[in-house]
Each structure stands twice: as C-alpha cells, then as structure tokens.
Amino acid sequence: MKVLVINCGSSSLKYQLIDMTNEELLAQGLVERIGIAGSILTQKVSGKGKYIIEEPMNDHKDAIKHVVNALIHDEHGVIKNMDEISAVGHRVVHGGEKYSESVLVNDEVMSYLEECVKLAPLHNRPNIIGIEACKSLMPNVPMAVVFDTAFHGTMPEKAFLYALPYELYEKHSIRKYGFHGTSHKYVSRKVAEVMGRDVEDLKIITCHIGAGASIAAVKGGKSIDTTMGFTPLDGVIMGTRTGSIDPAIVIYLVKELGYSIDEVNEILNKKSGLLGITEMSSDMRDIKEAAYKKGDKRAQLAIDMYTYSIKTKIGAYSAAMGGVDVIVFTAGVGENSFETRRDILEDLEYLGIKLDSERNNVMGETALITTDDSKVKVYVIPTNEELMIAKETVDLLK
C-alpha cells in the first residue's frame, strides 16, 4: 500500500510518498510560492537526485496536479500511474474538541474542519484547501485527516482547562489543546520500541524543540499534559514566539503603550523568543556561534533563557507523572544541538540522569545519550511526522 502524505501551508505544500508494506520513503517534495510568481516544485528520490518543476501554480489544485505528475514522471517518478496511490493522509493542525483521533474524510468531517478555522486560521484554512484539491483530483481515493491536536485529547480537565469563567469553555471552547501531537506520539512510541519496552509501561517526557517548541508528558502512552495551549504561542521560549508570559503584559502594551491588537500579535508571534532577546536571529545555530565563538552576551542570555524554560517543564512534568523513565529530544534543535541538550539536562542529576558527553555528541540519528547506569534514560529520536500520518491512515483503512 502506497500512501501519499500531504501537508499544506498557505503558499506551500510538502509531500511524501511512502510504501507502507516496508515503510520505505519513495519520494518527498516541496512546492513553494503557490499562487505567487515563481512557483517551484522540488522532488527528491533516492538514487535519482532532484527533479525541479518551475511553472505557474495558481492554487493548491494546480500544485497537487504537478505533485502527481512528478510522482508518475517516466524518468524522475516512482510510480506508473495514480492508481498506485492507495490513500492520502492529510496533516491538519486543529481538530478542536470533537476529534481526539484521526478520521477518514467525509462531509461531516469537512464541515467541522470549517468550524475549527477560527481556532487556527493560519493553518486550518490551507489544510482544508489541500484536502479539497486532492478530493477533486482523486475522488475515489480514501483520505484521512491526522490532527496535530489529537494526541493531546487524552489530557484530563485539570490539565487542559484555564481558570477563566467556565462558560468561556462551555460556549467558546477556550481551553488548552496542545500541538505537535503527531511528533510527540511518534517519538514516544519509537523510544519504547528502541528500549524494547511497552509504551504503556513508561513515563516519558518528549521535547520537540525547533523553531516551534513544545514539551509533553506521556504516561502509559497517553499525553497527560503539554506546554502549548489554546494556540501554539504558549509554553516554552521558541524561535520567534514568547512562550508563556503574564497575560497582563498584553493589556499594558495596548492601554499604556498604545499598541494595536494586530501589532501585539505580531510582537508575540514573530518578534519575540530567541529573536527578540538577541535582536539578531531566531536560529539556534547562529545564536550558538555568536555566544560560543564571539562571546556575545545577549546570545548567551537567549540560550540560558531557552534551556531554563525547557528544564523547568521537565521538572514539572516529572512531578505530574510521579517520576520519569525516559526523556526524548527531537526536532531541529533537539536532534542536532548537543550543547542545548547538555544545558537542559544540567542540574537534573537529582532525577537520576547521568549524561554521557561522548554519546551526546550526536546529530540527527537515534541514540542513547546517558550512561548505562543512568536511572532515567535520555534519547535522541529523529521525528517522522509523515510516517506517523501514513501509519494512522493505514490503521483507519484497516
């Protein structure tokens, strides 16, 4: 069974074609500048190099037509025709309260996705457009929706409710939803597999840290808490996002300093985090170079704040679960920055963590980075959200 995984943005589209008989990645690609001059598709196939298409793509339907054409191309493709695509799995950011599991696409699902646009307007709208485009081009191919929020649907009320007037939750669904769920689910199951343990027997803290970052407490294979909240703005410090702040700061910025709501939104989401502290970059690679090689104090401060915000959440989630068996680092920074992992784990020896510096000197591959006698194990596990989406799609079809 070959599953096409689609992840639509407002003007971009990422895709992978995976043969689920052996979980082999057949092709992956990126379409950029959809609806903008200079549209381009770049496809990578092992052993064939890059295949690039530069043609106008007015909308997502055009883009997906080019994706299919690239996949069935005589020279650069990997399948003979569209009939080889057994199913399509779509990443959708927000499933609201209704969906805590992946679902097959039908009219009821599409209607509810429209309702969820207000909860994630920048993400759900492009996701819906991508689904509609695929339905138009492949009307007889079953399609699944895999939600970023779904894995966190198991959080108890004490974790997901805010101490606001209860009617705001009842009438407007204002609550913590959590995000990066597909990644947290994948790495929590993968680390259990690597350890030779049943995920239901483990207390796991998963750290998805990249430009966006979230930490999750996974107990018995289920998410019981996570750092992102009603939106992906909440939680730990990120590349350009504040993470958790005193909400009265927003009131102060508007009433006392004269900022508009749109300006505040821009500050919180795009001008804060590592970028806001350093006033230089949101990329941890640039910040590490400035701090370690140039002695930039602001860059070092940003690193210290970033790692501190994650460290304290690990401590909190250990308390929430009554202990921790294993910690997982994943995503861009988590997989590739041994210094960041080291700094986060510093002073957590009381939990029973013994970091092995030599093992920690690893990038982008599955690895145990603690000593053999470390009570709490720490692993680097590269995330694979696309494979998780494909697995969920296959499970639904079964």
Protein backbone atom coordinates (compact mmCIF):
# COMPACT_ATOMS: atom_id res chain seq x y z
CA MET A 1 0.00 0.00 0.00
CA LYS A 2 1.40 3.38 -1.06
CA VAL A 3 0.25 6.39 0.97
CA LEU A 4 0.66 9.99 -0.17
CA VAL A 5 1.13 12.35 2.80
CA ILE A 6 0.18 15.99 2.22
CA ASN A 7 0.98 18.97 4.44
CA CYS A 8 -0.44 22.21 3.04
CA GLY A 9 0.58 25.71 4.05
CA SER A 10 -0.91 28.95 2.75
CA SER A 11 1.50 29.15 -0.20
CA SER A 12 3.45 25.92 0.13
CA LEU A 13 2.92 22.18 0.14
CA LYS A 14 5.13 19.40 1.50
CA TYR A 15 4.58 15.81 0.47
CA GLN A 16 5.93 12.29 0.82
CA LEU A 17 5.00 9.05 -0.89
CA ILE A 18 5.58 6.08 1.44
CA ASP A 19 5.31 2.38 0.67
CA MET A 20 3.71 1.10 3.86
CA THR A 21 4.47 -2.56 3.15
CA ASN A 22 8.01 -1.82 4.39
CA GLU A 23 7.70 1.87 5.42
CA GLU A 24 10.03 2.86 2.59
CA LEU A 25 10.15 6.53 1.61
CA LEU A 26 9.74 6.53 -2.16
CA ALA A 27 9.74 10.27 -2.81
CA GLN A 28 9.49 13.57 -0.99
CA GLY A 29 8.99 17.07 -2.23
CA LEU A 30 8.18 20.69 -1.60
CA VAL A 31 6.06 23.08 -3.62
CA GLU A 32 6.71 26.76 -2.92
CA ARG A 33 5.13 30.05 -3.94
CA ILE A 34 1.69 28.66 -4.76
CA GLY A 35 -0.40 31.48 -6.19
CA ILE A 36 2.71 33.67 -6.37
CA ALA A 37 5.05 34.39 -9.26
CA GLY A 38 7.94 31.97 -9.36
CA SER A 39 6.12 28.77 -8.32
CA ILE A 40 8.54 25.86 -7.98
CA LEU A 41 8.34 22.15 -7.14
CA THR A 42 11.40 20.29 -5.91
CA GLN A 43 11.21 16.49 -5.61
CA LYS A 44 13.85 14.16 -4.20
CA VAL A 45 14.03 10.47 -4.99
CA SER A 46 16.80 8.27 -3.67
CA GLY A 47 19.26 7.47 -6.45
CA LYS A 48 17.69 9.94 -8.89
CA GLY A 49 18.69 13.29 -7.49
CA LYS A 50 16.46 16.36 -7.55
CA TYR A 51 13.64 16.96 -10.02
CA ILE A 52 12.55 20.60 -10.32
CA ILE A 53 9.44 21.99 -11.99
CA GLU A 54 9.17 25.75 -12.45
CA GLU A 55 5.71 26.52 -13.78
CA PRO A 56 2.87 28.80 -12.67
CA MET A 57 0.73 27.18 -9.96
CA ASN A 58 -2.29 29.38 -9.37
CA ASP A 59 -3.74 27.37 -6.50
CA HIS A 60 -3.30 24.18 -4.46
CA LYS A 61 -5.16 22.13 -7.07
CA ASP A 62 -2.54 23.15 -9.63
CA ALA A 63 0.19 22.32 -7.15
CA ILE A 64 -1.18 18.83 -6.44
CA LYS A 65 -1.54 18.18 -10.18
CA HIS A 66 2.18 18.88 -10.50
CA VAL A 67 2.93 16.67 -7.48
CA VAL A 68 1.11 13.75 -9.14
CA ASN A 69 2.82 14.44 -12.47
CA ALA A 70 6.21 14.42 -10.73
CA LEU A 71 5.44 11.14 -8.99
CA ILE A 72 4.40 9.40 -12.24
CA HIS A 73 7.11 11.01 -14.43
CA ASP A 74 8.77 8.41 -16.69
CA GLU A 75 12.30 9.43 -15.71
CA HIS A 76 12.03 11.16 -12.33
CA GLY A 77 8.94 9.49 -10.88
CA VAL A 78 8.45 6.44 -8.68
CA ILE A 79 5.03 5.08 -9.71
CA LYS A 80 3.47 4.27 -13.09
CA ASN A 81 0.10 5.92 -12.52
CA MET A 82 -2.21 7.42 -9.90
CA ASP A 83 -3.88 4.05 -9.31
CA GLU A 84 -0.84 3.05 -7.27
CA ILE A 85 -1.76 5.66 -4.64
CA SER A 86 -3.92 3.70 -2.20
CA ALA A 87 -4.72 6.55 0.19
CA VAL A 88 -3.87 10.14 1.08
CA GLY A 89 -3.09 11.28 4.62
CA HIS A 90 -3.52 14.97 5.37
CA ARG A 91 -1.94 16.87 8.23
CA VAL A 92 -4.47 19.21 9.83
CA VAL A 93 -3.36 21.41 12.71
CA HIS A 94 -6.57 21.76 14.72
CA GLY A 95 -9.26 19.17 15.43
CA GLY A 96 -10.98 21.12 18.19
CA GLU A 97 -12.70 19.14 20.94
CA LYS A 98 -14.53 16.72 18.68
CA TYR A 99 -11.60 14.76 17.30
CA SER A 100 -9.02 13.15 19.56
CA GLU A 101 -8.29 10.53 16.91
CA SER A 102 -7.55 10.59 13.20
CA VAL A 103 -10.59 10.26 10.93
CA LEU A 104 -11.47 9.40 7.35
CA VAL A 105 -12.66 12.37 5.31
CA ASN A 106 -16.41 12.75 4.78
CA ASP A 107 -18.85 15.66 4.57
CA GLU A 108 -19.33 15.79 8.35
CA VAL A 109 -15.57 15.99 8.92
CA MET A 110 -15.15 18.74 6.32
CA SER A 111 -17.96 20.74 7.90
CA TYR A 112 -16.34 20.52 11.33
CA LEU A 113 -12.95 21.50 9.94
CA GLU A 114 -14.57 24.71 8.73
CA GLU A 115 -15.75 25.37 12.29
CA CYS A 116 -12.19 24.90 13.53
CA VAL A 117 -10.79 27.56 11.19
CA LYS A 118 -11.48 30.21 13.84
CA LEU A 119 -9.18 28.29 16.23
CA ALA A 120 -6.28 28.07 13.76
CA PRO A 121 -6.98 30.40 10.81
CA LEU A 122 -3.39 30.43 9.51
CA HIS A 123 -3.21 26.65 9.41
CA ASN A 124 -6.61 25.00 9.05
CA ARG A 125 -7.70 27.01 6.03
CA PRO A 126 -4.75 25.87 3.85
CA ASN A 127 -5.19 22.33 5.20
CA ILE A 128 -8.83 22.33 4.03
CA ILE A 129 -7.86 23.71 0.63
CA GLY A 130 -5.36 20.87 0.22
CA ILE A 131 -7.95 18.23 1.09
CA GLU A 132 -10.48 19.71 -1.35
CA ALA A 133 -7.85 19.80 -4.11
CA CYS A 134 -6.95 16.14 -3.55
CA LYS A 135 -10.63 15.13 -3.47
CA SER A 136 -11.13 16.86 -6.80
CA LEU A 137 -8.18 15.12 -8.45
CA MET A 138 -8.55 11.73 -6.73
CA PRO A 139 -12.28 11.36 -5.98
CA ASN A 140 -12.12 7.59 -5.45
CA VAL A 141 -9.03 7.52 -3.23
CA PRO A 142 -9.76 7.30 0.53
CA MET A 143 -8.37 10.19 2.54
CA ALA A 144 -7.55 10.56 6.20
CA VAL A 145 -7.15 13.61 8.40
CA VAL A 146 -4.47 13.44 11.09
CA PHE A 147 -4.70 16.25 13.65
CA ASP A 148 -1.79 17.91 15.45
CA THR A 149 -4.08 18.34 18.45
CA ALA A 150 -5.45 14.78 18.53
CA PHE A 151 -2.73 13.11 20.61
CA HIS A 152 -3.34 15.60 23.41
CA GLY A 153 -7.05 14.79 23.51
CA THR A 154 -6.34 12.48 26.45
CA MET A 155 -5.35 15.34 28.78
CA PRO A 156 -7.52 15.46 31.92
CA GLU A 157 -9.64 18.52 32.68
CA LYS A 158 -7.28 19.65 35.42
CA ALA A 159 -4.57 19.98 32.76
CA PHE A 160 -6.49 21.43 29.81
CA LEU A 161 -8.87 23.89 31.50
CA TYR A 162 -7.94 27.50 32.21
CA ALA A 163 -9.09 29.25 35.39
CA LEU A 164 -11.36 31.53 33.38
CA PRO A 165 -15.13 31.79 33.79
CA TYR A 166 -16.31 28.27 32.99
CA GLU A 167 -18.83 29.49 30.44
CA LEU A 168 -15.95 30.59 28.16
CA TYR A 169 -15.03 26.95 27.89
CA GLU A 170 -18.62 25.72 27.56
CA LYS A 171 -19.70 28.29 24.95
CA HIS A 172 -16.47 29.06 23.11
CA SER A 173 -14.21 26.02 23.69
CA ILE A 174 -11.43 28.14 25.20
CA ARG A 175 -9.04 25.57 26.67
CA LYS A 176 -5.59 24.10 26.19
CA TYR A 177 -5.37 21.96 23.04
CA GLY A 178 -1.67 21.34 22.57
CA PHE A 179 0.13 20.91 19.25
CA HIS A 180 2.97 18.88 17.66
CA GLY A 181 0.88 15.86 18.68
CA THR A 182 1.89 13.74 15.70
CA SER A 183 5.56 14.21 16.57
CA HIS A 184 5.08 13.56 20.30
CA LYS A 185 3.12 10.40 19.51
CA TYR A 186 5.72 9.14 17.03
CA VAL A 187 8.79 9.63 19.22
CA SER A 188 7.12 8.29 22.38
CA ARG A 189 6.29 5.07 20.58
CA LYS A 190 9.63 4.93 18.82
CA VAL A 191 11.62 5.28 22.03
CA ALA A 192 9.60 2.48 23.64
CA GLU A 193 10.37 0.31 20.62
CA VAL A 194 14.10 1.16 20.82
CA MET A 195 14.12 0.34 24.53
CA GLY A 196 12.27 -2.92 23.98
CA ARG A 197 9.53 -1.76 26.36
CA ASP A 198 5.77 -1.42 26.12
CA VAL A 199 4.89 2.27 25.84
CA GLU A 200 2.04 1.67 28.30
CA ASP A 201 4.60 0.85 30.99
CA LEU A 202 6.63 4.04 30.58
CA LYS A 203 6.58 7.63 31.85
CA ILE A 204 8.04 9.67 29.01
CA ILE A 205 8.83 13.36 28.59
CA THR A 206 9.08 14.29 24.92
CA CYS A 207 10.86 17.51 23.93
CA HIS A 208 10.01 18.68 20.41
CA ILE A 209 12.30 21.68 20.14
CA GLY A 210 12.91 23.57 16.93
CA ALA A 211 11.72 26.95 15.65
CA GLY A 212 8.48 25.97 17.36
CA ALA A 213 8.85 24.04 20.59
CA SER A 214 6.66 22.04 22.95
CA ILE A 215 7.18 19.56 25.77
CA ALA A 216 4.74 16.75 26.55
CA ALA A 217 4.19 14.40 29.47
CA VAL A 218 3.31 10.97 28.09
CA LYS A 219 2.18 8.46 30.71
CA GLY A 220 1.17 4.97 29.66
CA GLY A 221 1.31 6.02 26.01
CA LYS A 222 -1.12 8.92 26.50
CA SER A 223 -0.50 12.65 26.67
CA ILE A 224 -1.48 13.96 30.10
CA ASP A 225 -0.10 17.47 29.64
CA THR A 226 1.79 19.63 27.15
CA THR A 227 3.18 23.14 27.03
CA MET A 228 1.39 24.68 24.03
CA GLY A 229 -2.10 25.83 24.90
CA PHE A 230 -5.13 27.38 23.20
CA THR A 231 -2.65 28.37 20.49
CA PRO A 232 0.95 27.38 19.68
CA LEU A 233 2.11 30.62 21.34
CA ASP A 234 2.01 29.26 24.88
CA GLY A 235 4.69 27.24 26.65
CA VAL A 236 8.47 27.35 26.37
CA ILE A 237 10.50 30.03 24.59
CA MET A 238 10.67 29.49 20.82
CA GLY A 239 12.42 30.95 17.80
CA THR A 240 10.15 33.99 17.41
CA ARG A 241 7.36 33.27 19.94
CA THR A 242 7.33 34.42 23.55
CA GLY A 243 6.13 31.24 25.18
CA SER A 244 4.29 31.77 28.48
CA ILE A 245 4.13 35.37 29.72
CA ASP A 246 1.99 37.32 32.17
CA PRO A 247 -1.22 37.97 30.16
CA ALA A 248 -1.45 41.44 31.69
CA ILE A 249 1.54 42.41 29.51
CA VAL A 250 -0.84 42.40 26.54
CA ILE A 251 -3.20 44.77 28.36
CA TYR A 252 -0.28 47.03 29.27
CA LEU A 253 1.03 47.13 25.69
CA VAL A 254 -2.40 48.13 24.40
CA LYS A 255 -3.62 50.53 27.11
CA GLU A 256 -0.38 52.14 28.28
CA LEU A 257 1.94 51.95 25.27
CA GLY A 258 -0.66 52.37 22.52
CA TYR A 259 -0.04 49.20 20.50
CA SER A 260 -2.90 47.82 18.43
CA ILE A 261 -4.04 44.22 18.87
CA ASP A 262 -2.54 43.35 15.48
CA GLU A 263 0.78 44.89 16.50
CA VAL A 264 0.79 42.95 19.76
CA ASN A 265 0.03 39.74 17.87
CA GLU A 266 2.97 40.46 15.57
CA ILE A 267 5.27 41.06 18.54
CA LEU A 268 4.24 37.93 20.43
CA ASN A 269 4.38 35.56 17.47
CA LYS A 270 7.05 36.94 15.14
CA LYS A 271 9.33 39.33 17.01
CA SER A 272 9.88 37.64 20.36
CA GLY A 273 11.54 34.45 21.58
CA LEU A 274 15.18 33.95 20.65
CA LEU A 275 14.91 36.67 18.01
CA GLY A 276 13.51 39.18 20.48
CA ILE A 277 16.20 38.52 23.07
CA THR A 278 19.16 38.52 20.68
CA GLU A 279 17.78 41.08 18.19
CA MET A 280 19.88 39.10 15.74
CA SER A 281 18.44 35.70 14.81
CA SER A 282 15.82 33.10 15.67
CA ASP A 283 18.11 30.28 14.50
CA MET A 284 19.89 28.42 17.30
CA ARG A 285 22.88 27.77 15.02
CA ASP A 286 23.51 31.50 14.60
CA ILE A 287 22.97 32.12 18.29
CA LYS A 288 25.36 29.37 19.38
CA GLU A 289 28.06 30.71 17.06
CA ALA A 290 27.61 34.22 18.44
CA ALA A 291 27.68 33.03 22.04
CA TYR A 292 30.43 30.41 21.91
CA LYS A 293 32.78 31.87 19.28
CA LYS A 294 32.23 35.61 19.66
CA GLY A 295 31.31 35.84 23.34
CA ASP A 296 28.05 37.65 22.59
CA LYS A 297 26.38 38.12 25.99
CA ARG A 298 22.88 38.61 24.59
CA ALA A 299 23.18 35.39 22.60
CA GLN A 300 24.30 33.54 25.74
CA LEU A 301 21.37 35.04 27.65
CA ALA A 302 18.98 33.77 24.98
CA ILE A 303 20.45 30.26 25.27
CA ASP A 304 20.22 30.37 29.06
CA MET A 305 16.58 31.51 28.99
CA TYR A 306 15.66 28.96 26.33
CA THR A 307 17.20 25.99 28.13
CA TYR A 308 15.89 27.14 31.52
CA SER A 309 12.32 27.29 30.22
CA ILE A 310 12.59 23.70 28.97
CA LYS A 311 14.43 22.44 32.07
CA THR A 312 11.71 23.70 34.39
CA LYS A 313 8.99 22.00 32.32
CA ILE A 314 10.85 18.69 32.51
CA GLY A 315 10.87 19.06 36.29
CA ALA A 316 7.19 19.94 36.35
CA TYR A 317 6.16 17.02 34.17
CA SER A 318 8.25 14.61 36.21
CA ALA A 319 6.19 15.74 39.20
CA ALA A 320 2.93 15.45 37.25
CA MET A 321 3.64 11.82 36.34
CA GLY A 322 5.14 10.82 39.68
CA GLY A 323 8.54 10.31 38.10
CA VAL A 324 10.04 9.80 34.64
CA ASP A 325 11.62 6.79 32.95
CA VAL A 326 12.90 8.38 29.74
CA ILE A 327 13.32 11.80 28.15
CA VAL A 328 13.34 12.23 24.37
CA PHE A 329 14.82 15.09 22.35
CA THR A 330 13.55 15.60 18.80
CA ALA A 331 13.05 18.21 16.01
CA GLY A 332 15.67 20.60 14.62
CA VAL A 333 17.34 21.78 17.81
CA GLY A 334 16.61 18.67 19.85
CA GLU A 335 18.12 16.35 17.26
CA ASN A 336 21.13 18.44 16.28
CA SER A 337 22.38 20.58 19.17
CA PHE A 338 24.39 18.60 21.71
CA GLU A 339 25.13 21.83 23.62
CA THR A 340 21.43 22.61 24.04
CA ARG A 341 20.68 19.09 25.27
CA ARG A 342 23.62 19.33 27.70
CA ASP A 343 22.48 22.67 29.07
CA ILE A 344 18.88 21.50 29.51
CA LEU A 345 19.95 18.37 31.41
CA GLU A 346 22.40 20.21 33.65
CA ASP A 347 21.21 20.24 37.29
CA LEU A 348 18.71 17.46 36.61
CA GLU A 349 21.01 14.85 38.08
CA TYR A 350 18.66 14.65 41.08
CA LEU A 351 16.17 12.88 38.82
CA GLY A 352 18.71 10.14 38.19
CA ILE A 353 20.09 11.44 34.88
CA LYS A 354 23.74 10.75 34.06
CA LEU A 355 24.65 12.34 30.74
CA ASP A 356 27.39 10.66 28.69
CA SER A 357 29.23 13.51 26.93
CA GLU A 358 30.64 11.26 24.22
CA ARG A 359 27.27 9.69 23.43
CA ASN A 360 25.65 13.13 23.46
CA ASN A 361 27.94 14.27 20.63
CA VAL A 362 25.45 13.09 18.02
CA MET A 363 23.32 14.79 15.36
CA GLY A 364 20.18 13.65 13.57
CA GLU A 365 20.22 9.97 14.50
CA THR A 366 18.66 7.72 17.10
CA ALA A 367 20.97 7.49 20.09
CA LEU A 368 21.05 6.86 23.83
CA ILE A 369 22.95 9.81 25.34
CA THR A 370 23.04 8.78 29.01
CA THR A 371 25.31 6.28 30.73
CA ASP A 372 24.33 2.64 31.06
CA ASP A 373 23.70 3.07 34.78
CA SER A 374 21.61 6.23 34.42
CA LYS A 375 18.31 5.69 36.24
CA VAL A 376 16.49 7.94 33.77
CA LYS A 377 17.38 7.27 30.14
CA VAL A 378 17.67 10.11 27.63
CA TYR A 379 17.42 9.51 23.89
CA VAL A 380 17.69 11.49 20.69
CA ILE A 381 14.94 10.27 18.34
CA PRO A 382 14.56 11.93 14.91
CA THR A 383 10.89 12.71 14.42
CA ASN A 384 8.98 11.43 11.42
CA GLU A 385 5.55 13.03 11.38
CA GLU A 386 4.90 11.98 7.80
CA LEU A 387 5.42 8.30 8.62
CA MET A 388 3.13 8.68 11.65
CA ILE A 389 0.45 10.22 9.41
CA ALA A 390 0.85 7.35 6.94
CA LYS A 391 0.55 4.79 9.76
CA GLU A 392 -2.60 6.45 11.09
CA THR A 393 -4.06 6.44 7.56
CA VAL A 394 -3.38 2.74 7.11
CA ASP A 395 -4.86 1.95 10.54
CA LEU A 396 -8.06 3.78 9.64
CA LEU A 397 -8.40 1.87 6.38
CA LYS A 398 -7.94 -1.42 8.21
